[in-house]
Each structure stands twice: as structure tokens, then as C-alpha cells.
């Protein structure tokens, strides 16, 4: 996972842009996965649903690697009970932090 200093520089598109809507959809999906992980209930279908929103097609190309890292971190939670998911939380939180920072840049 890239550290915050390794996050690619992304262009600011503004809050009303399709790119911002795509990043917001990605954040919603990732947040949903985080909530399910707290309950030990993440399934493959949950991950696929979280990252198939049509709005994700509008994510800027520079942000795609950050989204890919988020999806990978989400996949690592599939099938884990709540305790095992907690052990993976650091990786997930790091990916989520990077996604948030990237979304803030895109939406500014």
C-alpha cells in the first residue's frame, strides 16, 4: 500500500464533477465493506457490489491505483470473522486513508 506521501498527484475536478461522484461512490463502497468487516460478514459478492457502481467509470485515471489498492484490501476481508478481520484492519485503514485523501483532492 502506498503511504500518503506516495499518493499520486491528481487533478482537482470540483465537487460537482463526475470524477468527484465516482470517488464518492468508491468511498461509499469502501465504507460499507468496513462496516461489514466489523461484523465479520464480508462476502465476495459484497466486494464486487462495492466496486461495480457505474459511477466508478468516472474516476480519474490517476486515482485508479488507489482504488485498486482499496479493492485489494477489501478482498483480504472476505470470509473472515470479526476477530480475524480486526487483524487485517491496519491494511484496510491505510488503503481507506489513501482513498479519502485522493477523493478530497479530486473533489476540490
C-alpha atoms as a PDB file:
ATOM      1  CA  UNK A   1       0.000   0.000   0.000  1.00  0.00           C
ATOM      2  CA  UNK A   2       1.326   3.429  -0.802  1.00  0.00           C
ATOM      3  CA  UNK A   3       1.907   5.735   2.103  1.00  0.00           C
ATOM      4  CA  UNK A   4       0.111   9.103   1.992  1.00  0.00           C
ATOM      5  CA  UNK A   5       3.276  10.668   0.584  1.00  0.00           C
ATOM      6  CA  UNK A   6       3.180   8.120  -2.268  1.00  0.00           C
ATOM      7  CA  UNK A   7      -0.351   9.010  -3.331  1.00  0.00           C
ATOM      8  CA  UNK A   8      -0.263  10.167  -6.927  1.00  0.00           C
ATOM      9  CA  UNK A   9      -0.986  13.793  -7.544  1.00  0.00           C
ATOM     10  CA  UNK A  10      -4.464  14.077  -9.016  1.00  0.00           C
ATOM     11  CA  UNK A  11      -6.133  16.978 -10.725  1.00  0.00           C
ATOM     12  CA  UNK A  12      -8.865  18.845  -8.856  1.00  0.00           C
ATOM     13  CA  UNK A  13     -12.172  18.469 -10.681  1.00  0.00           C
ATOM     14  CA  UNK A  14     -14.544  20.141  -8.221  1.00  0.00           C
ATOM     15  CA  UNK A  15     -17.436  18.907  -6.116  1.00  0.00           C
ATOM     16  CA  UNK A  16     -19.980  18.888  -8.952  1.00  0.00           C
ATOM     17  CA  UNK A  17     -17.804  16.854 -11.338  1.00  0.00           C
ATOM     18  CA  UNK A  18     -18.461  13.284 -12.499  1.00  0.00           C
ATOM     19  CA  UNK A  19     -14.958  12.459 -11.248  1.00  0.00           C
ATOM     20  CA  UNK A  20     -15.918  13.540  -7.732  1.00  0.00           C
ATOM     21  CA  UNK A  21     -19.129  11.494  -7.949  1.00  0.00           C
ATOM     22  CA  UNK A  22     -17.023   8.468  -8.902  1.00  0.00           C
ATOM     23  CA  UNK A  23     -14.687   8.975  -5.974  1.00  0.00           C
ATOM     24  CA  UNK A  24     -17.665   9.413  -3.654  1.00  0.00           C
ATOM     25  CA  UNK A  25     -19.119   6.115  -4.897  1.00  0.00           C
ATOM     26  CA  UNK A  26     -15.784   4.423  -4.215  1.00  0.00           C
ATOM     27  CA  UNK A  27     -15.761   5.810  -0.682  1.00  0.00           C
ATOM     28  CA  UNK A  28     -19.318   4.618  -0.086  1.00  0.00           C
ATOM     29  CA  UNK A  29     -18.398   1.114  -1.216  1.00  0.00           C
ATOM     30  CA  UNK A  30     -15.266   1.006   0.906  1.00  0.00           C
ATOM     31  CA  UNK A  31     -17.121   2.308   3.951  1.00  0.00           C
ATOM     32  CA  UNK A  32     -19.769  -0.392   3.510  1.00  0.00           C
ATOM     33  CA  UNK A  33     -17.060  -3.065   3.403  1.00  0.00           C
ATOM     34  CA  UNK A  34     -15.508  -1.636   6.581  1.00  0.00           C
ATOM     35  CA  UNK A  35     -18.847  -1.867   8.372  1.00  0.00           C
ATOM     36  CA  UNK A  36     -19.361  -5.447   7.252  1.00  0.00           C
ATOM     37  CA  UNK A  37     -15.812  -6.332   8.337  1.00  0.00           C
ATOM     38  CA  UNK A  38     -16.569  -5.092  11.855  1.00  0.00           C
ATOM     39  CA  UNK A  39     -19.322  -7.724  11.930  1.00  0.00           C
ATOM     40  CA  UNK A  40     -17.223 -10.430  10.249  1.00  0.00           C
ATOM     41  CA  UNK A  41     -19.651 -10.570   7.339  1.00  0.00           C
ATOM     42  CA  UNK A  42     -17.737  -9.578   4.170  1.00  0.00           C
ATOM     43  CA  UNK A  43     -18.526 -11.802   1.190  1.00  0.00           C
ATOM     44  CA  UNK A  44     -17.111 -11.890  -2.331  1.00  0.00           C
ATOM     45  CA  UNK A  45     -20.459 -10.542  -3.528  1.00  0.00           C
ATOM     46  CA  UNK A  46     -20.193  -7.595  -1.130  1.00  0.00           C
ATOM     47  CA  UNK A  47     -16.794  -6.649  -2.543  1.00  0.00           C
ATOM     48  CA  UNK A  48     -17.985  -6.994  -6.126  1.00  0.00           C
ATOM     49  CA  UNK A  49     -21.064  -4.878  -5.378  1.00  0.00           C
ATOM     50  CA  UNK A  50     -18.985  -2.220  -3.619  1.00  0.00           C
ATOM     51  CA  UNK A  51     -16.723  -1.721  -6.622  1.00  0.00           C
ATOM     52  CA  UNK A  52     -19.093  -2.079  -9.578  1.00  0.00           C
ATOM     53  CA  UNK A  53     -21.046   1.161  -9.248  1.00  0.00           C
ATOM     54  CA  UNK A  54     -21.301   2.710 -12.741  1.00  0.00           C
ATOM     55  CA  UNK A  55     -20.044   5.988 -11.252  1.00  0.00           C
ATOM     56  CA  UNK A  56     -16.638   4.337 -10.734  1.00  0.00           C
ATOM     57  CA  UNK A  57     -16.131   4.651 -14.501  1.00  0.00           C
ATOM     58  CA  UNK A  58     -15.647   8.380 -13.938  1.00  0.00           C
ATOM     59  CA  UNK A  59     -12.727   8.021 -11.529  1.00  0.00           C
ATOM     60  CA  UNK A  60      -9.701   9.845 -12.953  1.00  0.00           C
ATOM     61  CA  UNK A  61      -7.023   7.537 -14.330  1.00  0.00           C
ATOM     62  CA  UNK A  62      -4.514   8.875 -11.775  1.00  0.00           C
ATOM     63  CA  UNK A  63      -6.755   7.626  -8.961  1.00  0.00           C
ATOM     64  CA  UNK A  64      -7.223   4.095 -10.337  1.00  0.00           C
ATOM     65  CA  UNK A  65      -4.196   2.623  -8.484  1.00  0.00           C
ATOM     66  CA  UNK A  66      -5.574   3.942  -5.178  1.00  0.00           C
ATOM     67  CA  UNK A  67      -8.944   2.336  -5.904  1.00  0.00           C
ATOM     68  CA  UNK A  68      -7.187  -0.917  -6.855  1.00  0.00           C
ATOM     69  CA  UNK A  69      -5.358  -0.923  -3.508  1.00  0.00           C
ATOM     70  CA  UNK A  70      -8.678  -0.322  -1.727  1.00  0.00           C
ATOM     71  CA  UNK A  71     -10.305  -3.218  -3.558  1.00  0.00           C
ATOM     72  CA  UNK A  72      -7.355  -5.499  -2.729  1.00  0.00           C
ATOM     73  CA  UNK A  73      -7.581  -4.541   0.951  1.00  0.00           C
ATOM     74  CA  UNK A  74     -11.327  -5.217   0.847  1.00  0.00           C
ATOM     75  CA  UNK A  75     -10.771  -8.631  -0.741  1.00  0.00           C
ATOM     76  CA  UNK A  76      -8.477  -9.565   2.155  1.00  0.00           C
ATOM     77  CA  UNK A  77     -11.505  -9.334   4.471  1.00  0.00           C
ATOM     78  CA  UNK A  78     -13.714 -11.807   2.589  1.00  0.00           C
ATOM     79  CA  UNK A  79     -14.800 -14.719   4.765  1.00  0.00           C
ATOM     80  CA  UNK A  80     -13.083 -13.535   7.926  1.00  0.00           C
ATOM     81  CA  UNK A  81     -14.877 -13.451  11.243  1.00  0.00           C
ATOM     82  CA  UNK A  82     -14.870 -10.176  13.168  1.00  0.00           C
ATOM     83  CA  UNK A  83     -11.712 -11.020  15.152  1.00  0.00           C
ATOM     84  CA  UNK A  84      -9.750 -12.067  12.073  1.00  0.00           C
ATOM     85  CA  UNK A  85     -10.991  -9.000  10.191  1.00  0.00           C
ATOM     86  CA  UNK A  86      -9.676  -6.800  13.007  1.00  0.00           C
ATOM     87  CA  UNK A  87      -6.219  -8.247  12.374  1.00  0.00           C
ATOM     88  CA  UNK A  88      -6.444  -7.004   8.770  1.00  0.00           C
ATOM     89  CA  UNK A  89      -7.774  -3.603   9.757  1.00  0.00           C
ATOM     90  CA  UNK A  90      -4.433  -1.791   9.533  1.00  0.00           C
ATOM     91  CA  UNK A  91      -4.053  -2.565   5.841  1.00  0.00           C
ATOM     92  CA  UNK A  92      -7.688  -1.699   5.182  1.00  0.00           C
ATOM     93  CA  UNK A  93      -7.453   1.580   7.119  1.00  0.00           C
ATOM     94  CA  UNK A  94      -4.283   2.580   5.271  1.00  0.00           C
ATOM     95  CA  UNK A  95      -5.957   1.970   1.908  1.00  0.00           C
ATOM     96  CA  UNK A  96      -9.071   3.831   3.066  1.00  0.00           C
ATOM     97  CA  UNK A  97      -6.997   6.811   4.241  1.00  0.00           C
ATOM     98  CA  UNK A  98      -5.324   6.975   0.841  1.00  0.00           C
ATOM     99  CA  UNK A  99      -8.707   6.759  -0.895  1.00  0.00           C
ATOM    100  CA  UNK A 100     -10.093   9.567   1.281  1.00  0.00           C
ATOM    101  CA  UNK A 101      -7.078  11.798   0.583  1.00  0.00           C
ATOM    102  CA  UNK A 102      -7.357  11.128  -3.152  1.00  0.00           C
ATOM    103  CA  UNK A 103     -11.111  11.794  -3.142  1.00  0.00           C
ATOM    104  CA  UNK A 104     -10.554  15.073  -1.318  1.00  0.00           C
ATOM    105  CA  UNK A 105      -8.026  16.113  -3.966  1.00  0.00           C
ATOM    106  CA  UNK A 106     -10.299  15.127  -6.860  1.00  0.00           C
ATOM    107  CA  UNK A 107     -13.323  16.853  -5.339  1.00  0.00           C
ATOM    108  CA  UNK A 108     -11.517  20.097  -4.510  1.00  0.00           C
END
